[in-house]
Amino acid sequence: MTANGRPDAVRRIDHVAVAAHDADGAARWYEASLGLRRVHDEVVDAAGVRLLWLAAEADEGGASFQIVQPLGPGPVADHLAARGEGLHHVCFAVDDAADFLRARGESEDQVFAGGYGLPCAFVEHAPPGIAIEIVEQAPARPPR
């Protein structure tokens, strides 16, 4: 439950993602042009994608930038074929992915292990033209 008591409220923007045919090629542009640095690179076999995260050098836990590369047929490959490279989704951090979906009247069965192995899901009824992802992240503990 978020601080405002709503199970369907988000805590913060987690990341913004672009789809690209070649994650390394795309990352080189963001590194050279914007000074972003690579912070994580992984393959999520269940989703058939490679996820490459970049962040600003001075970023202290803020939103990150993700490049999604399809590794075969699937939703990201379909997105690239239909729309080309570019913005794919915006992801918001929530306390509990299943609770968030239930509060919206959506099925918790769509929760899957995404990047970093965290529970995540794509919201079924998002605004036209943009995919909305949620990722479950435990609330930060207050300092002792």
N, C-alpha and C. Protein backbone atom coordinates (compact mmCIF):
# COMPACT_ATOMS: atom_id res chain seq x y z
N MET A 1 0.85 -1.17 0.00
CA MET A 1 0.00 0.00 0.00
C MET A 1 0.90 1.24 0.00
N THR A 2 0.65 2.16 -0.90
CA THR A 2 1.46 3.36 -0.98
C THR A 2 1.16 4.30 0.19
N ALA A 3 1.97 5.32 0.32
CA ALA A 3 1.83 6.26 1.43
C ALA A 3 0.45 6.91 1.46
N ASN A 4 -0.19 7.09 0.30
CA ASN A 4 -1.51 7.72 0.29
C ASN A 4 -2.63 6.70 0.51
N GLY A 5 -2.27 5.44 0.77
CA GLY A 5 -3.25 4.42 1.09
C GLY A 5 -3.94 3.77 -0.10
N ARG A 6 -3.56 4.10 -1.30
CA ARG A 6 -4.19 3.53 -2.50
C ARG A 6 -3.33 2.40 -3.06
N PRO A 7 -3.88 1.18 -3.18
CA PRO A 7 -3.09 0.08 -3.74
C PRO A 7 -2.83 0.24 -5.24
N ASP A 8 -3.59 1.14 -5.90
CA ASP A 8 -3.40 1.34 -7.34
C ASP A 8 -2.62 2.61 -7.65
N ALA A 9 -1.95 3.17 -6.65
CA ALA A 9 -1.13 4.36 -6.86
C ALA A 9 0.33 3.96 -7.07
N VAL A 10 1.01 4.68 -7.93
CA VAL A 10 2.43 4.40 -8.17
C VAL A 10 3.28 5.22 -7.21
N ARG A 11 4.52 4.74 -6.99
CA ARG A 11 5.44 5.45 -6.10
C ARG A 11 6.33 6.42 -6.84
N ARG A 12 6.78 6.02 -8.04
CA ARG A 12 7.70 6.87 -8.80
C ARG A 12 7.85 6.31 -10.20
N ILE A 13 8.44 7.07 -11.08
CA ILE A 13 8.83 6.55 -12.39
C ILE A 13 10.06 5.70 -12.18
N ASP A 14 10.04 4.47 -12.65
CA ASP A 14 11.18 3.57 -12.52
C ASP A 14 12.11 3.71 -13.72
N HIS A 15 11.53 3.56 -14.92
CA HIS A 15 12.36 3.71 -16.13
C HIS A 15 11.51 4.04 -17.34
N VAL A 16 12.18 4.55 -18.35
CA VAL A 16 11.60 4.79 -19.66
C VAL A 16 12.35 3.87 -20.61
N ALA A 17 11.62 3.20 -21.51
CA ALA A 17 12.25 2.21 -22.38
C ALA A 17 12.02 2.51 -23.85
N VAL A 18 13.07 2.28 -24.63
CA VAL A 18 12.97 2.35 -26.09
C VAL A 18 13.21 0.95 -26.63
N ALA A 19 12.58 0.66 -27.75
CA ALA A 19 12.82 -0.60 -28.44
C ALA A 19 13.84 -0.35 -29.54
N ALA A 20 14.77 -1.30 -29.70
CA ALA A 20 15.81 -1.16 -30.71
C ALA A 20 16.18 -2.55 -31.24
N HIS A 21 16.55 -2.59 -32.51
CA HIS A 21 17.00 -3.85 -33.10
C HIS A 21 18.35 -4.27 -32.53
N ASP A 22 19.20 -3.29 -32.18
CA ASP A 22 20.56 -3.54 -31.70
C ASP A 22 20.80 -2.69 -30.45
N ALA A 23 20.70 -3.31 -29.28
CA ALA A 23 20.86 -2.58 -28.02
C ALA A 23 22.23 -1.93 -27.90
N ASP A 24 23.27 -2.63 -28.32
CA ASP A 24 24.62 -2.06 -28.21
C ASP A 24 24.77 -0.83 -29.09
N GLY A 25 24.27 -0.91 -30.31
CA GLY A 25 24.35 0.23 -31.22
C GLY A 25 23.58 1.43 -30.68
N ALA A 26 22.39 1.18 -30.17
CA ALA A 26 21.60 2.26 -29.59
C ALA A 26 22.31 2.84 -28.37
N ALA A 27 22.84 1.98 -27.51
CA ALA A 27 23.52 2.44 -26.29
C ALA A 27 24.70 3.33 -26.62
N ARG A 28 25.43 3.01 -27.66
CA ARG A 28 26.59 3.83 -28.03
C ARG A 28 26.18 5.28 -28.29
N TRP A 29 25.04 5.47 -28.94
CA TRP A 29 24.58 6.84 -29.20
C TRP A 29 24.28 7.56 -27.89
N TYR A 30 23.53 6.93 -26.98
CA TYR A 30 23.17 7.57 -25.72
C TYR A 30 24.40 7.82 -24.84
N GLU A 31 25.38 6.94 -24.92
CA GLU A 31 26.62 7.14 -24.16
C GLU A 31 27.40 8.32 -24.72
N ALA A 32 27.61 8.32 -26.04
CA ALA A 32 28.42 9.37 -26.66
C ALA A 32 27.71 10.72 -26.69
N SER A 33 26.42 10.72 -26.94
CA SER A 33 25.70 11.98 -27.10
C SER A 33 25.19 12.59 -25.81
N LEU A 34 24.83 11.75 -24.85
CA LEU A 34 24.22 12.25 -23.62
C LEU A 34 25.03 11.94 -22.36
N GLY A 35 26.10 11.17 -22.51
CA GLY A 35 26.93 10.84 -21.36
C GLY A 35 26.34 9.81 -20.43
N LEU A 36 25.33 9.07 -20.89
CA LEU A 36 24.77 8.02 -20.04
C LEU A 36 25.78 6.89 -19.92
N ARG A 37 25.65 6.10 -18.86
CA ARG A 37 26.55 4.96 -18.66
C ARG A 37 25.72 3.70 -18.49
N ARG A 38 26.29 2.57 -18.92
CA ARG A 38 25.62 1.28 -18.76
C ARG A 38 25.68 0.87 -17.31
N VAL A 39 24.52 0.42 -16.79
CA VAL A 39 24.49 -0.01 -15.40
C VAL A 39 24.04 -1.46 -15.24
N HIS A 40 23.40 -2.03 -16.26
CA HIS A 40 22.94 -3.41 -16.14
C HIS A 40 22.59 -3.93 -17.53
N ASP A 41 22.87 -5.20 -17.76
CA ASP A 41 22.59 -5.83 -19.05
C ASP A 41 22.18 -7.27 -18.77
N GLU A 42 21.00 -7.67 -19.24
CA GLU A 42 20.55 -9.04 -18.98
C GLU A 42 19.61 -9.51 -20.07
N VAL A 43 19.46 -10.81 -20.14
CA VAL A 43 18.50 -11.45 -21.03
C VAL A 43 17.38 -12.00 -20.16
N VAL A 44 16.15 -11.69 -20.53
CA VAL A 44 14.97 -12.26 -19.86
C VAL A 44 14.39 -13.27 -20.84
N ASP A 45 14.80 -14.52 -20.66
CA ASP A 45 14.41 -15.59 -21.58
C ASP A 45 12.90 -15.72 -21.72
N ALA A 46 12.18 -15.63 -20.60
CA ALA A 46 10.72 -15.81 -20.64
C ALA A 46 10.04 -14.77 -21.53
N ALA A 47 10.61 -13.58 -21.61
CA ALA A 47 10.05 -12.52 -22.45
C ALA A 47 10.71 -12.46 -23.82
N GLY A 48 11.80 -13.19 -24.00
CA GLY A 48 12.51 -13.18 -25.28
C GLY A 48 13.15 -11.86 -25.63
N VAL A 49 13.70 -11.18 -24.60
CA VAL A 49 14.31 -9.88 -24.82
C VAL A 49 15.64 -9.74 -24.08
N ARG A 50 16.41 -8.83 -24.57
CA ARG A 50 17.61 -8.37 -23.88
C ARG A 50 17.27 -6.98 -23.35
N LEU A 51 17.61 -6.73 -22.09
CA LEU A 51 17.37 -5.45 -21.47
C LEU A 51 18.71 -4.82 -21.10
N LEU A 52 18.92 -3.61 -21.58
CA LEU A 52 20.15 -2.88 -21.31
C LEU A 52 19.77 -1.57 -20.64
N TRP A 53 20.23 -1.37 -19.39
CA TRP A 53 19.91 -0.17 -18.64
C TRP A 53 21.06 0.82 -18.69
N LEU A 54 20.69 2.08 -18.83
CA LEU A 54 21.66 3.18 -18.77
C LEU A 54 21.16 4.19 -17.75
N ALA A 55 22.07 4.98 -17.20
CA ALA A 55 21.70 6.02 -16.23
C ALA A 55 22.64 7.19 -16.37
N ALA A 56 22.20 8.33 -15.87
CA ALA A 56 23.06 9.51 -15.84
C ALA A 56 24.15 9.28 -14.79
N GLU A 57 25.32 9.82 -15.03
CA GLU A 57 26.46 9.62 -14.13
C GLU A 57 26.15 10.03 -12.70
N ALA A 58 25.44 11.14 -12.53
CA ALA A 58 25.18 11.65 -11.19
C ALA A 58 23.88 11.11 -10.60
N ASP A 59 23.22 10.19 -11.29
CA ASP A 59 21.93 9.69 -10.83
C ASP A 59 22.08 8.90 -9.55
N GLU A 60 21.30 9.25 -8.56
CA GLU A 60 21.32 8.57 -7.26
C GLU A 60 19.98 7.87 -7.04
N GLY A 61 19.73 6.80 -7.77
CA GLY A 61 18.50 6.05 -7.56
C GLY A 61 17.28 6.61 -8.25
N GLY A 62 17.46 7.52 -9.18
CA GLY A 62 16.32 8.06 -9.91
C GLY A 62 15.92 7.13 -11.04
N ALA A 63 15.09 7.63 -11.92
CA ALA A 63 14.63 6.83 -13.06
C ALA A 63 15.80 6.47 -13.96
N SER A 64 15.71 5.30 -14.57
CA SER A 64 16.76 4.87 -15.49
C SER A 64 16.19 4.82 -16.91
N PHE A 65 17.05 4.52 -17.84
CA PHE A 65 16.71 4.45 -19.25
C PHE A 65 17.00 3.02 -19.70
N GLN A 66 16.05 2.40 -20.37
CA GLN A 66 16.19 1.00 -20.75
C GLN A 66 16.08 0.86 -22.26
N ILE A 67 16.94 0.01 -22.82
CA ILE A 67 16.84 -0.35 -24.23
C ILE A 67 16.40 -1.80 -24.28
N VAL A 68 15.31 -2.06 -25.01
CA VAL A 68 14.74 -3.40 -25.13
C VAL A 68 15.02 -3.91 -26.53
N GLN A 69 15.70 -5.03 -26.62
CA GLN A 69 16.04 -5.65 -27.91
C GLN A 69 15.37 -7.02 -27.98
N PRO A 70 14.53 -7.24 -28.99
CA PRO A 70 13.94 -8.58 -29.10
C PRO A 70 14.99 -9.60 -29.52
N LEU A 71 14.85 -10.81 -29.01
CA LEU A 71 15.77 -11.88 -29.37
C LEU A 71 15.13 -12.88 -30.32
N GLY A 72 13.92 -12.60 -30.73
CA GLY A 72 13.17 -13.45 -31.64
C GLY A 72 11.77 -12.91 -31.78
N PRO A 73 10.87 -13.67 -32.37
CA PRO A 73 9.49 -13.21 -32.52
C PRO A 73 8.84 -12.96 -31.16
N GLY A 74 7.93 -11.99 -31.12
CA GLY A 74 7.23 -11.67 -29.88
C GLY A 74 6.74 -10.24 -29.91
N PRO A 75 6.19 -9.78 -28.79
CA PRO A 75 5.61 -8.44 -28.74
C PRO A 75 6.58 -7.30 -29.08
N VAL A 76 7.83 -7.38 -28.64
CA VAL A 76 8.77 -6.30 -28.94
C VAL A 76 9.15 -6.31 -30.42
N ALA A 77 9.35 -7.49 -30.98
CA ALA A 77 9.63 -7.58 -32.42
C ALA A 77 8.44 -7.06 -33.22
N ASP A 78 7.22 -7.39 -32.77
CA ASP A 78 6.02 -6.88 -33.44
C ASP A 78 5.95 -5.36 -33.35
N HIS A 79 6.29 -4.81 -32.20
CA HIS A 79 6.31 -3.36 -32.00
C HIS A 79 7.29 -2.70 -32.98
N LEU A 80 8.48 -3.27 -33.08
CA LEU A 80 9.48 -2.71 -34.00
C LEU A 80 9.01 -2.78 -35.45
N ALA A 81 8.39 -3.89 -35.83
CA ALA A 81 7.91 -4.04 -37.21
C ALA A 81 6.81 -3.02 -37.52
N ALA A 82 5.95 -2.75 -36.54
CA ALA A 82 4.84 -1.83 -36.77
C ALA A 82 5.21 -0.36 -36.63
N ARG A 83 6.12 -0.05 -35.68
CA ARG A 83 6.38 1.35 -35.35
C ARG A 83 7.82 1.79 -35.54
N GLY A 84 8.72 0.84 -35.71
CA GLY A 84 10.13 1.19 -35.80
C GLY A 84 10.73 1.43 -34.43
N GLU A 85 11.99 1.79 -34.42
CA GLU A 85 12.68 2.03 -33.15
C GLU A 85 12.16 3.30 -32.49
N GLY A 86 12.16 3.29 -31.18
CA GLY A 86 11.74 4.46 -30.43
C GLY A 86 11.06 4.07 -29.14
N LEU A 87 10.32 5.02 -28.58
CA LEU A 87 9.69 4.82 -27.29
C LEU A 87 8.84 3.56 -27.28
N HIS A 88 9.04 2.73 -26.27
CA HIS A 88 8.28 1.49 -26.13
C HIS A 88 7.34 1.54 -24.93
N HIS A 89 7.87 1.88 -23.75
CA HIS A 89 7.01 1.94 -22.57
C HIS A 89 7.61 2.83 -21.49
N VAL A 90 6.73 3.21 -20.55
CA VAL A 90 7.14 3.90 -19.33
C VAL A 90 6.78 2.96 -18.19
N CYS A 91 7.70 2.80 -17.25
CA CYS A 91 7.49 1.87 -16.14
C CYS A 91 7.44 2.64 -14.82
N PHE A 92 6.46 2.28 -14.00
CA PHE A 92 6.28 2.90 -12.70
C PHE A 92 6.49 1.88 -11.59
N ALA A 93 7.13 2.28 -10.51
CA ALA A 93 7.33 1.41 -9.35
C ALA A 93 6.07 1.39 -8.50
N VAL A 94 5.70 0.20 -8.06
CA VAL A 94 4.55 0.02 -7.16
C VAL A 94 4.99 -0.86 -6.00
N ASP A 95 4.23 -0.82 -4.92
CA ASP A 95 4.57 -1.64 -3.75
C ASP A 95 4.31 -3.12 -4.02
N ASP A 96 3.19 -3.45 -4.66
CA ASP A 96 2.81 -4.84 -4.90
C ASP A 96 2.11 -4.92 -6.26
N ALA A 97 2.71 -5.61 -7.20
CA ALA A 97 2.18 -5.67 -8.56
C ALA A 97 0.80 -6.33 -8.61
N ALA A 98 0.63 -7.43 -7.91
CA ALA A 98 -0.66 -8.12 -7.92
C ALA A 98 -1.75 -7.25 -7.29
N ASP A 99 -1.47 -6.60 -6.17
CA ASP A 99 -2.45 -5.72 -5.54
C ASP A 99 -2.83 -4.57 -6.46
N PHE A 100 -1.82 -4.00 -7.13
CA PHE A 100 -2.06 -2.89 -8.06
C PHE A 100 -3.04 -3.32 -9.15
N LEU A 101 -2.79 -4.50 -9.74
CA LEU A 101 -3.66 -4.98 -10.82
C LEU A 101 -5.07 -5.29 -10.31
N ARG A 102 -5.16 -5.96 -9.17
CA ARG A 102 -6.48 -6.28 -8.59
C ARG A 102 -7.29 -5.01 -8.33
N ALA A 103 -6.63 -3.97 -7.81
CA ALA A 103 -7.32 -2.72 -7.50
C ALA A 103 -7.86 -2.05 -8.77
N ARG A 104 -7.25 -2.36 -9.90
CA ARG A 104 -7.70 -1.80 -11.19
C ARG A 104 -8.67 -2.73 -11.89
N GLY A 105 -8.99 -3.87 -11.27
CA GLY A 105 -9.90 -4.82 -11.89
C GLY A 105 -9.25 -5.66 -12.98
N GLU A 106 -7.92 -5.74 -12.93
CA GLU A 106 -7.17 -6.52 -13.91
C GLU A 106 -6.66 -7.81 -13.26
N SER A 107 -6.33 -8.78 -14.08
CA SER A 107 -5.88 -10.07 -13.59
C SER A 107 -4.45 -10.02 -13.10
N GLU A 108 -4.23 -10.56 -11.90
CA GLU A 108 -2.87 -10.64 -11.37
C GLU A 108 -2.06 -11.71 -12.08
N ASP A 109 -2.72 -12.53 -12.92
CA ASP A 109 -2.02 -13.58 -13.67
C ASP A 109 -1.03 -13.02 -14.68
N GLN A 110 -1.13 -11.75 -14.99
CA GLN A 110 -0.21 -11.16 -15.96
C GLN A 110 1.13 -10.75 -15.36
N VAL A 111 1.31 -10.92 -14.04
CA VAL A 111 2.58 -10.60 -13.39
C VAL A 111 3.62 -11.65 -13.80
N PHE A 112 4.80 -11.19 -14.18
CA PHE A 112 5.89 -12.08 -14.57
C PHE A 112 7.20 -11.55 -14.02
N ALA A 113 8.23 -12.39 -14.02
CA ALA A 113 9.56 -11.97 -13.56
C ALA A 113 10.24 -11.22 -14.70
N GLY A 114 10.48 -9.95 -14.50
CA GLY A 114 11.09 -9.11 -15.52
C GLY A 114 12.55 -8.83 -15.21
N GLY A 115 13.00 -7.65 -15.57
CA GLY A 115 14.37 -7.25 -15.32
C GLY A 115 14.72 -7.31 -13.84
N TYR A 116 15.94 -7.70 -13.55
CA TYR A 116 16.43 -7.89 -12.19
C TYR A 116 15.64 -8.96 -11.45
N GLY A 117 14.80 -9.72 -12.16
CA GLY A 117 13.98 -10.76 -11.55
C GLY A 117 12.79 -10.23 -10.76
N LEU A 118 12.49 -8.95 -10.89
CA LEU A 118 11.40 -8.34 -10.13
C LEU A 118 10.04 -8.61 -10.75
N PRO A 119 9.01 -8.78 -9.93
CA PRO A 119 7.65 -8.96 -10.46
C PRO A 119 7.21 -7.70 -11.20
N CYS A 120 6.68 -7.88 -12.40
CA CYS A 120 6.21 -6.74 -13.19
C CYS A 120 5.05 -7.17 -14.06
N ALA A 121 4.41 -6.21 -14.69
CA ALA A 121 3.28 -6.49 -15.58
C ALA A 121 3.05 -5.27 -16.45
N PHE A 122 2.41 -5.50 -17.58
CA PHE A 122 1.98 -4.40 -18.42
C PHE A 122 0.50 -4.16 -18.15
N VAL A 123 0.13 -2.92 -17.93
CA VAL A 123 -1.24 -2.55 -17.62
C VAL A 123 -2.10 -2.74 -18.87
N GLU A 124 -3.23 -3.42 -18.70
CA GLU A 124 -4.08 -3.75 -19.85
C GLU A 124 -4.73 -2.52 -20.49
N HIS A 125 -5.21 -1.60 -19.69
CA HIS A 125 -5.96 -0.46 -20.23
C HIS A 125 -5.13 0.81 -20.11
N ALA A 126 -4.10 0.90 -20.94
CA ALA A 126 -3.20 2.06 -20.96
C ALA A 126 -3.69 3.06 -22.01
N PRO A 127 -3.22 4.29 -21.93
CA PRO A 127 -3.60 5.26 -22.95
C PRO A 127 -3.13 4.81 -24.33
N PRO A 128 -3.80 5.24 -25.38
CA PRO A 128 -3.39 4.85 -26.74
C PRO A 128 -1.96 5.30 -27.04
N GLY A 129 -1.23 4.46 -27.73
CA GLY A 129 0.10 4.82 -28.21
C GLY A 129 1.25 4.63 -27.25
N ILE A 130 0.99 4.20 -26.02
CA ILE A 130 2.08 4.00 -25.07
C ILE A 130 1.75 2.79 -24.19
N ALA A 131 2.74 1.97 -23.96
CA ALA A 131 2.59 0.85 -23.03
C ALA A 131 3.00 1.33 -21.64
N ILE A 132 2.27 0.89 -20.64
CA ILE A 132 2.57 1.22 -19.25
C ILE A 132 2.92 -0.07 -18.53
N GLU A 133 4.10 -0.10 -17.94
CA GLU A 133 4.55 -1.24 -17.16
C GLU A 133 4.59 -0.84 -15.70
N ILE A 134 4.37 -1.81 -14.83
CA ILE A 134 4.58 -1.59 -13.40
C ILE A 134 5.62 -2.60 -12.94
N VAL A 135 6.41 -2.21 -11.96
CA VAL A 135 7.40 -3.11 -11.38
C VAL A 135 7.29 -3.01 -9.87
N GLU A 136 7.29 -4.17 -9.25
CA GLU A 136 7.16 -4.24 -7.79
C GLU A 136 8.52 -3.99 -7.15
N GLN A 137 8.52 -3.02 -6.26
CA GLN A 137 9.74 -2.73 -5.51
C GLN A 137 9.35 -2.42 -4.09
N ALA A 138 9.95 -3.13 -3.17
CA ALA A 138 9.63 -2.93 -1.75
C ALA A 138 9.93 -1.49 -1.37
N PRO A 139 9.07 -0.89 -0.55
CA PRO A 139 9.32 0.48 -0.11
C PRO A 139 10.65 0.59 0.62
N ALA A 140 11.31 1.71 0.43
CA ALA A 140 12.58 1.94 1.12
C ALA A 140 12.34 2.01 2.62
N ARG A 141 13.23 1.43 3.37
CA ARG A 141 13.11 1.47 4.83
C ARG A 141 13.61 2.80 5.33
N PRO A 142 12.94 3.34 6.35
CA PRO A 142 13.44 4.59 6.93
C PRO A 142 14.79 4.34 7.61
N PRO A 143 15.68 5.31 7.60
CA PRO A 143 16.98 5.13 8.25
C PRO A 143 16.82 4.91 9.74
N ARG A 144 17.73 4.10 10.30
CA ARG A 144 17.67 3.83 11.75
C ARG A 144 18.50 4.82 12.51
